[in-house]
Amino acid sequence: MLVSNTEKLRIQGLSFDESRIASIEDLRLLAQRRLPKVIFDYVDGGADGEVTMRANQSAFQSIEFRPRTVMGVPNCDLRTSVLSHTLSFPLILAPVGHSCVIYPRGELAAVRAAGAANTVYVLPTLSGETIEDISKCTTGPVWYQLYLWGGREAAEAAIERANNAGISALVVTIDSIVGGNRERDIRNGAGQLLMGDLVSKIPYLRQFIVRPRWLGNYLRNGGMPKWPNVVVPRSTSRTLSEIRYQGLEWRDVGWIREAWKRPLIIKGILTADDARRAIDAGADALIVSNHGGRQLDCLPSSLKALSEVVDAVGAKSQILMDGGIRRGSDIAKAVCLGARAVLCGRAFAYGLAVGGEAGVAFVLSTLRNELERTLRFLGCESVDALDSSYIRTDLINPGG
């Protein structure tokens, strides 16, 4: 257990008794009070009508458990193995871009919390911290998410840096051919805020002033970061807003596989066909993901797509998933459907906004405790023993 049930968690200068924070949703509401609206909506929002974003959560709610209530289970083994890493429980911190805007040096806070919890942190391309610094500051495993910002030249430089820094695995995200139509961000002008210069921040002064703790932290840490992992070797003077993002094609996975000799993970798989193509391209693991509903709207929930991918390639690859994880019982349901582990993004981002490293640790502790409680109710002794017999799958796949 990472945080005692009786000690008080100090959160951005104020004391909150953790026994009064009952859920991830409580942290979400606190994050909404801590962050400027433009930053909170960037974290909290999705694409278009946010149909897929809501579906990710509601899919978990549509599954019922089938417990074995007469089983006495005093202790549960929550450990699992993912790509040779033994994790304390099957949850990984997903890549959350611009984490350093959510909380000062947010990537450092997140990776330290993940390391202390003995799980994986996935460093986003759009990070305020260097690959090298993140790798050095934790004893836990670190994966690196790869986008083609700056094209192949920049990606190859990032791959070389990741290799030299001892990054354990490369996570190639394939569902971002173009940027999602995030209406909250458009209304708020978030793109201008996150990518622009100092002048572009002026329209947000009123939002910043009414969030003095966030503003104080922002100013003390030098304002907007420089995104040091997006570097074109012969064009280092260019800003992020001047570097064109290049969408990834399947042929790109080939040269990435050649350049990267450690485990390669493909993120953004939703169909059996794409799962097979990813395995054929050399992927060692897949992440079933719709990008948290932040790209194309009206996609199936990640949980609904999980079974199709597991059935197609589960015998050839480890399958992970993300999207909609808010409770430990959600983790159990995903594992029952064939996921080796899950990733969470928004959930830990809310904790990061509220309390930095302590907030992320609180999220990890909460989800771990909820997972253990769920297994004990189910009469299941270990995560590895979870399977479809513990749930009703007809509710998520009617007629299937």
Protein backbone atom coordinates (compact mmCIF):
# COMPACT_ATOMS: atom_id res chain seq x y z
CA MET A 1 0.00 0.00 0.00
CA LEU A 2 1.57 3.29 -1.12
CA VAL A 3 -0.28 5.76 1.09
CA SER A 4 -1.70 5.00 4.53
CA ASN A 5 -5.45 5.11 4.97
CA THR A 6 -5.02 7.31 8.04
CA GLU A 7 -2.30 9.81 7.14
CA LYS A 8 -3.13 13.11 5.56
CA LEU A 9 -2.07 13.80 1.98
CA ARG A 10 -0.71 17.30 1.49
CA ILE A 11 -1.95 18.60 -1.85
CA GLN A 12 -0.63 21.87 -3.26
CA GLY A 13 -0.27 23.51 0.12
CA LEU A 14 -3.55 22.28 1.58
CA SER A 15 -4.21 19.19 3.71
CA PHE A 16 -6.83 16.70 2.61
CA ASP A 17 -7.67 13.64 4.63
CA GLU A 18 -7.44 10.89 2.03
CA SER A 19 -10.37 9.09 3.64
CA ARG A 20 -12.51 11.93 2.24
CA ILE A 21 -11.25 11.31 -1.32
CA ALA A 22 -13.31 8.29 -2.22
CA SER A 23 -12.65 7.85 -5.94
CA ILE A 24 -10.83 8.99 -9.06
CA GLU A 25 -13.88 11.13 -9.82
CA ASP A 26 -13.25 13.03 -6.57
CA LEU A 27 -9.73 13.78 -7.83
CA ARG A 28 -11.15 14.87 -11.19
CA LEU A 29 -13.37 17.44 -9.47
CA LEU A 30 -10.43 18.67 -7.39
CA ALA A 31 -8.31 18.93 -10.55
CA GLN A 32 -11.02 21.05 -12.15
CA ARG A 33 -10.72 23.46 -9.22
CA ARG A 34 -6.90 23.54 -9.37
CA LEU A 35 -6.26 23.97 -13.10
CA PRO A 36 -7.03 26.87 -15.45
CA LYS A 37 -10.01 25.94 -17.61
CA VAL A 38 -7.95 25.65 -20.78
CA ILE A 39 -5.58 23.14 -19.15
CA PHE A 40 -8.33 21.11 -17.44
CA ASP A 41 -10.33 20.85 -20.67
CA TYR A 42 -7.20 19.73 -22.54
CA VAL A 43 -6.80 16.87 -20.05
CA ASP A 44 -10.47 16.06 -19.62
CA GLY A 45 -11.83 16.50 -23.14
CA GLY A 46 -12.24 14.33 -26.21
CA ALA A 47 -12.91 14.62 -29.93
CA ASP A 48 -16.09 15.95 -31.55
CA GLY A 49 -19.12 15.01 -29.43
CA GLU A 50 -16.96 12.96 -27.01
CA VAL A 51 -19.05 9.86 -27.76
CA THR A 52 -16.07 7.50 -27.72
CA MET A 53 -14.65 9.08 -24.58
CA ARG A 54 -17.89 8.39 -22.71
CA ALA A 55 -18.20 4.92 -24.23
CA ASN A 56 -14.81 3.94 -22.83
CA GLN A 57 -16.16 4.32 -19.31
CA SER A 58 -19.70 3.07 -19.90
CA ALA A 59 -18.37 -0.16 -21.45
CA PHE A 60 -16.94 -1.16 -18.08
CA GLN A 61 -20.25 -0.38 -16.41
CA SER A 62 -22.05 -2.76 -18.79
CA ILE A 63 -20.12 -5.80 -17.53
CA GLU A 64 -21.34 -7.73 -14.50
CA PHE A 65 -19.18 -9.94 -12.29
CA ARG A 66 -19.84 -13.61 -11.49
CA PRO A 67 -18.23 -14.08 -8.06
CA ARG A 68 -17.42 -17.31 -6.26
CA THR A 69 -18.61 -16.03 -2.94
CA VAL A 70 -17.93 -19.07 -0.75
CA MET A 71 -14.20 -18.94 -1.49
CA GLY A 72 -12.12 -17.58 1.39
CA VAL A 73 -9.29 -15.48 -0.09
CA PRO A 74 -7.31 -13.76 2.68
CA ASN A 75 -4.53 -12.67 0.32
CA CYS A 76 -4.38 -11.93 -3.39
CA ASP A 77 -1.35 -11.90 -5.65
CA LEU A 78 -1.71 -8.85 -7.88
CA ARG A 79 1.63 -9.24 -9.65
CA THR A 80 1.86 -9.76 -13.37
CA SER A 81 4.58 -9.89 -16.02
CA VAL A 82 4.69 -7.59 -19.04
CA LEU A 83 7.56 -7.92 -21.52
CA SER A 84 9.83 -9.42 -18.84
CA HIS A 85 8.90 -6.72 -16.29
CA THR A 86 7.30 -8.00 -13.10
CA LEU A 87 4.76 -5.35 -12.07
CA SER A 88 3.22 -5.02 -8.63
CA PHE A 89 -0.20 -4.92 -10.28
CA PRO A 90 -1.38 -4.77 -13.91
CA LEU A 91 -1.52 -1.02 -14.39
CA ILE A 92 0.88 1.20 -16.36
CA LEU A 93 1.00 5.00 -16.53
CA ALA A 94 0.10 5.96 -20.11
CA PRO A 95 1.88 8.71 -22.07
CA VAL A 96 0.19 12.03 -21.25
CA GLY A 97 1.56 14.84 -23.37
CA HIS A 98 2.20 18.25 -21.80
CA SER A 99 2.24 16.75 -18.28
CA CYS A 100 4.59 19.53 -17.21
CA VAL A 101 1.80 22.04 -17.84
CA ILE A 102 -0.54 20.07 -15.60
CA TYR A 103 2.01 20.16 -12.77
CA PRO A 104 5.60 21.50 -12.65
CA ARG A 105 8.02 18.85 -13.94
CA GLY A 106 5.02 16.54 -14.12
CA GLU A 107 6.85 13.78 -15.96
CA LEU A 108 9.42 13.53 -13.16
CA ALA A 109 6.62 13.36 -10.59
CA ALA A 110 4.84 10.61 -12.53
CA VAL A 111 7.90 8.45 -13.20
CA ARG A 112 8.97 8.60 -9.57
CA ALA A 113 5.52 7.53 -8.40
CA ALA A 114 5.48 4.70 -10.94
CA GLY A 115 8.93 3.52 -9.87
CA ALA A 116 7.94 3.54 -6.20
CA ALA A 117 4.87 1.47 -7.08
CA ASN A 118 6.98 -0.96 -9.15
CA THR A 119 5.21 -0.34 -12.41
CA VAL A 120 5.96 1.18 -15.82
CA TYR A 121 5.84 4.83 -16.85
CA VAL A 122 5.50 5.68 -20.54
CA LEU A 123 7.25 8.96 -21.38
CA PRO A 124 5.39 10.97 -24.05
CA THR A 125 7.14 12.54 -27.01
CA LEU A 126 5.75 15.94 -25.96
CA SER A 127 7.50 15.95 -22.61
CA GLY A 128 9.13 18.82 -20.77
CA GLU A 129 11.86 16.46 -19.52
CA THR A 130 14.56 14.77 -21.55
CA ILE A 131 14.59 11.06 -22.20
CA GLU A 132 17.91 10.88 -20.37
CA ASP A 133 16.75 12.67 -17.21
CA ILE A 134 13.58 10.58 -16.93
CA SER A 135 15.53 7.35 -17.32
CA LYS A 136 18.01 8.33 -14.60
CA CYS A 137 15.54 9.42 -11.93
CA THR A 138 13.74 6.12 -11.31
CA THR A 139 14.57 2.50 -10.60
CA GLY A 140 11.43 1.37 -12.38
CA PRO A 141 11.08 0.55 -16.09
CA VAL A 142 10.49 3.41 -18.53
CA TRP A 143 9.00 3.09 -22.02
CA TYR A 144 9.14 5.86 -24.63
CA GLN A 145 6.22 6.83 -26.84
CA LEU A 146 7.27 7.69 -30.39
CA TYR A 147 5.52 10.22 -32.63
CA LEU A 148 6.98 11.37 -35.93
CA TRP A 149 7.28 15.01 -34.94
CA GLY A 150 9.95 16.38 -37.28
CA GLY A 151 9.81 13.32 -39.53
CA ARG A 152 12.10 10.33 -39.79
CA GLU A 153 15.29 12.23 -39.00
CA ALA A 154 13.99 13.42 -35.64
CA ALA A 155 12.47 10.00 -34.86
CA GLU A 156 15.74 8.20 -35.56
CA ALA A 157 17.57 10.65 -33.28
CA ALA A 158 14.99 10.01 -30.53
CA ILE A 159 15.30 6.24 -30.97
CA GLU A 160 19.08 6.46 -30.62
CA ARG A 161 18.74 8.59 -27.48
CA ALA A 162 16.17 6.19 -26.01
CA ASN A 163 18.46 3.26 -26.67
CA ASN A 164 21.46 4.98 -25.09
CA ALA A 165 19.37 6.00 -22.06
CA GLY A 166 18.31 2.41 -21.38
CA ILE A 167 14.62 2.82 -22.23
CA SER A 168 13.03 -0.62 -21.93
CA ALA A 169 10.50 -0.49 -24.78
CA LEU A 170 9.35 1.76 -27.59
CA VAL A 171 5.64 2.55 -27.91
CA VAL A 172 4.73 3.54 -31.47
CA THR A 173 1.35 5.27 -31.65
CA ILE A 174 -0.42 4.65 -34.98
CA ASP A 175 -3.80 6.36 -34.51
CA SER A 176 -2.67 9.97 -34.95
CA ILE A 177 -2.47 10.42 -38.72
CA VAL A 178 -4.08 13.82 -38.12
CA GLY A 179 -4.99 15.61 -34.92
CA GLY A 180 -8.39 14.98 -33.38
CA ASN A 181 -11.11 17.63 -33.59
CA ARG A 182 -11.16 18.45 -29.88
CA GLU A 183 -13.88 21.03 -29.64
CA ARG A 184 -13.07 22.09 -26.10
CA ASP A 185 -9.50 22.86 -27.16
CA ILE A 186 -10.70 24.82 -30.20
CA ARG A 187 -13.06 26.93 -28.10
CA ASN A 188 -10.34 27.54 -25.52
CA GLY A 189 -7.51 28.11 -28.00
CA ALA A 190 -5.46 25.38 -26.34
CA GLY A 191 -3.26 24.79 -29.38
CA GLN A 192 -2.10 28.39 -29.29
CA LEU A 193 -1.43 28.16 -25.56
CA LEU A 194 0.56 24.91 -25.70
CA MET A 195 2.57 25.63 -28.84
CA GLY A 196 2.82 29.42 -28.99
CA ASP A 197 5.14 32.07 -27.61
CA LEU A 198 4.76 34.30 -24.55
CA VAL A 199 2.43 36.75 -26.30
CA SER A 200 -0.01 33.92 -27.00
CA LYS A 201 -0.45 33.43 -23.25
CA ILE A 202 -1.90 36.92 -22.66
CA PRO A 203 -5.57 35.97 -23.41
CA TYR A 204 -5.37 33.39 -20.60
CA LEU A 205 -4.18 35.74 -17.85
CA ARG A 206 -7.58 35.89 -16.16
CA GLN A 207 -7.80 32.07 -16.02
CA PHE A 208 -4.28 31.93 -14.61
CA ILE A 209 -4.83 34.59 -11.98
CA VAL A 210 -7.84 32.80 -10.48
CA ARG A 211 -5.67 29.67 -10.13
CA PRO A 212 -2.83 31.23 -8.08
CA ARG A 213 -1.23 27.95 -6.95
CA TRP A 214 -0.99 26.70 -10.52
CA LEU A 215 0.28 30.10 -11.73
CA GLY A 216 2.90 30.32 -9.00
CA ASN A 217 4.22 26.87 -9.85
CA TYR A 218 4.15 27.69 -13.57
CA LEU A 219 6.20 30.88 -13.12
CA ARG A 220 8.66 29.33 -10.66
CA ASN A 221 9.45 26.65 -13.22
CA GLY A 222 10.14 29.04 -16.07
CA GLY A 223 6.81 28.95 -17.90
CA MET A 224 6.26 26.95 -21.06
CA PRO A 225 8.84 24.16 -21.58
CA LYS A 226 10.81 23.60 -24.78
CA TRP A 227 9.85 19.95 -25.53
CA PRO A 228 13.47 18.69 -25.57
CA ASN A 229 12.73 15.28 -27.10
CA VAL A 230 11.54 16.83 -30.37
CA VAL A 231 14.82 17.82 -31.99
CA VAL A 232 15.72 17.81 -35.67
CA PRO A 233 19.53 17.45 -35.55
CA ARG A 234 20.26 19.96 -38.33
CA SER A 235 17.41 22.32 -37.41
CA THR A 236 17.67 22.77 -33.67
CA SER A 237 16.55 26.41 -33.80
CA ARG A 238 13.04 25.51 -34.94
CA THR A 239 10.23 25.66 -32.39
CA LEU A 240 7.69 22.88 -31.91
CA SER A 241 5.01 24.92 -33.70
CA GLU A 242 7.31 25.11 -36.75
CA ILE A 243 8.00 21.37 -36.90
CA ARG A 244 5.47 19.48 -38.98
CA TYR A 245 3.98 16.30 -37.52
CA GLN A 246 4.13 13.43 -39.98
CA GLY A 247 1.54 10.70 -39.71
CA LEU A 248 2.83 7.17 -39.44
CA GLU A 249 2.33 4.53 -42.14
CA TRP A 250 2.79 0.78 -41.85
CA ARG A 251 5.98 0.98 -43.91
CA ASP A 252 7.43 3.25 -41.21
CA VAL A 253 7.12 0.45 -38.67
CA GLY A 254 9.67 -1.47 -40.73
CA TRP A 255 12.52 1.02 -40.36
CA ILE A 256 11.56 1.66 -36.72
CA ARG A 257 11.80 -2.09 -36.06
CA GLU A 258 15.23 -2.14 -37.72
CA ALA A 259 16.45 0.80 -35.64
CA TRP A 260 15.06 -0.46 -32.31
CA LYS A 261 16.27 -3.84 -31.04
CA ARG A 262 14.36 -3.92 -27.75
CA PRO A 263 10.63 -4.65 -27.31
CA LEU A 264 8.43 -2.76 -29.75
CA ILE A 265 4.82 -1.98 -28.83
CA ILE A 266 2.16 -0.73 -31.25
CA LYS A 267 -0.51 1.49 -29.67
CA GLY A 268 -3.84 2.28 -31.30
CA ILE A 269 -5.07 -1.18 -32.38
CA LEU A 270 -8.85 -1.71 -32.57
CA THR A 271 -9.34 -4.48 -35.14
CA ALA A 272 -8.11 -8.00 -35.80
CA ASP A 273 -6.73 -6.97 -39.20
CA ASP A 274 -4.55 -4.21 -37.74
CA ALA A 275 -3.47 -6.51 -34.94
CA ARG A 276 -2.22 -9.07 -37.45
CA ARG A 277 -0.43 -6.39 -39.48
CA ALA A 278 1.27 -5.10 -36.36
CA ILE A 279 2.52 -8.57 -35.42
CA ASP A 280 3.71 -9.15 -38.99
CA ALA A 281 5.58 -5.83 -38.81
CA GLY A 282 7.50 -7.04 -35.78
CA ALA A 283 5.53 -5.80 -32.77
CA ASP A 284 6.19 -7.61 -29.51
CA ALA A 285 3.04 -6.31 -27.82
CA LEU A 286 -0.09 -4.38 -28.75
CA ILE A 287 -2.12 -1.74 -26.96
CA VAL A 288 -5.82 -1.80 -27.79
CA SER A 289 -6.64 1.89 -27.71
CA ASN A 290 -8.82 4.59 -29.25
CA HIS A 291 -6.57 7.30 -27.80
CA GLY A 292 -8.98 7.96 -24.96
CA GLY A 293 -11.58 9.20 -27.42
CA ARG A 294 -9.32 12.10 -28.39
CA GLN A 295 -8.88 11.30 -32.10
CA LEU A 296 -11.68 9.81 -34.25
CA ASP A 297 -15.02 9.92 -32.48
CA CYS A 298 -17.64 7.15 -32.65
CA LEU A 299 -15.07 4.37 -32.46
CA PRO A 300 -15.82 1.29 -30.38
CA SER A 301 -14.74 1.45 -26.78
CA SER A 302 -11.32 -0.06 -26.18
CA LEU A 303 -12.89 -2.69 -23.94
CA LYS A 304 -15.32 -3.73 -26.67
CA ALA A 305 -12.47 -4.02 -29.20
CA LEU A 306 -10.29 -5.99 -26.80
CA SER A 307 -11.88 -9.41 -27.35
CA GLU A 308 -11.53 -9.21 -31.14
CA VAL A 309 -7.82 -8.44 -30.85
CA VAL A 310 -7.20 -11.10 -28.20
CA ASP A 311 -8.99 -13.72 -30.30
CA ALA A 312 -6.93 -12.78 -33.36
CA VAL A 313 -3.39 -12.56 -31.98
CA GLY A 314 -3.51 -13.23 -28.25
CA ALA A 315 -1.49 -16.42 -28.66
CA LYS A 316 1.27 -14.53 -30.49
CA SER A 317 1.53 -11.33 -28.50
CA GLN A 318 0.90 -9.70 -25.16
CA ILE A 319 -2.20 -7.52 -25.34
CA LEU A 320 -2.59 -4.37 -23.28
CA MET A 321 -5.41 -1.83 -23.38
CA ASP A 322 -6.22 1.71 -22.33
CA GLY A 323 -9.30 3.89 -22.22
CA GLY A 324 -11.78 4.54 -19.43
CA ILE A 325 -9.93 3.07 -16.45
CA ARG A 326 -11.33 4.75 -13.35
CA ARG A 327 -11.60 1.89 -10.82
CA GLY A 328 -9.71 -1.19 -9.78
CA SER A 329 -12.71 -3.25 -10.83
CA ASP A 330 -12.16 -1.90 -14.39
CA ILE A 331 -8.67 -3.40 -14.34
CA ALA A 332 -10.12 -6.77 -13.29
CA LYS A 333 -12.69 -6.72 -16.10
CA ALA A 334 -10.04 -5.94 -18.73
CA VAL A 335 -7.84 -8.77 -17.48
CA CYS A 336 -10.83 -11.13 -17.55
CA LEU A 337 -11.24 -10.26 -21.23
CA GLY A 338 -7.61 -11.07 -22.04
CA ALA A 339 -5.57 -7.94 -21.32
CA ARG A 340 -2.20 -8.59 -19.69
CA ALA A 341 -2.34 -5.11 -18.15
CA VAL A 342 -4.03 -1.75 -18.66
CA LEU A 343 -2.77 1.78 -19.08
CA CYS A 344 -4.38 4.83 -17.52
CA GLY A 345 -3.87 8.42 -18.58
CA ARG A 346 -6.58 10.78 -17.38
CA ALA A 347 -6.87 9.08 -13.99
CA PHE A 348 -3.24 9.71 -13.09
CA ALA A 349 -3.34 13.18 -14.72
CA TYR A 350 -6.09 14.20 -12.28
CA GLY A 351 -3.91 13.05 -9.39
CA LEU A 352 -0.92 14.86 -10.87
CA ALA A 353 -2.91 18.10 -11.11
CA VAL A 354 -4.05 17.84 -7.51
CA GLY A 355 -0.87 16.74 -5.78
CA GLY A 356 2.09 16.11 -8.07
CA GLU A 357 3.99 12.95 -7.18
CA ALA A 358 1.87 12.39 -4.06
CA GLY A 359 -1.28 12.69 -6.16
CA VAL A 360 -0.07 10.12 -8.69
CA ALA A 361 0.95 7.81 -5.84
CA PHE A 362 -2.53 8.21 -4.39
CA VAL A 363 -4.11 7.19 -7.71
CA LEU A 364 -1.91 4.11 -7.93
CA SER A 365 -2.67 3.18 -4.33
CA THR A 366 -6.41 3.68 -4.81
CA LEU A 367 -6.61 1.56 -7.97
CA ARG A 368 -4.42 -1.15 -6.46
CA ASN A 369 -6.52 -1.37 -3.30
CA GLU A 370 -9.73 -1.45 -5.33
CA LEU A 371 -8.34 -4.25 -7.51
CA GLU A 372 -7.38 -6.30 -4.48
CA ARG A 373 -10.81 -5.79 -2.94
CA THR A 374 -12.45 -6.87 -6.20
CA LEU A 375 -10.43 -10.08 -6.37
CA ARG A 376 -11.31 -10.96 -2.79
CA PHE A 377 -14.99 -10.43 -3.50
CA LEU A 378 -14.67 -12.60 -6.60
CA GLY A 379 -12.96 -15.39 -4.66
CA CYS A 380 -9.93 -15.17 -6.94
CA GLU A 381 -6.45 -15.66 -5.49
CA SER A 382 -4.42 -13.91 -8.19
CA VAL A 383 -4.60 -11.61 -11.18
CA ASP A 384 -3.22 -14.39 -13.36
CA ALA A 385 -6.23 -16.58 -12.43
CA LEU A 386 -8.77 -14.06 -13.74
CA ASP A 387 -10.61 -15.17 -16.87
CA SER A 388 -13.95 -14.77 -18.61
CA SER A 389 -15.68 -17.10 -16.14
CA TYR A 390 -15.69 -14.24 -13.62
CA ILE A 391 -17.79 -11.94 -15.81
CA ARG A 392 -20.84 -11.87 -18.06
CA THR A 393 -19.45 -11.06 -21.50
CA ASP A 394 -22.80 -11.10 -23.29
CA LEU A 395 -23.54 -7.65 -21.91
CA ILE A 396 -20.67 -6.03 -23.83
CA ASN A 397 -20.96 -8.27 -26.90
CA PRO A 398 -24.69 -8.97 -27.23
CA GLY A 399 -25.35 -12.08 -29.26
CA GLY A 400 -21.63 -12.86 -29.43
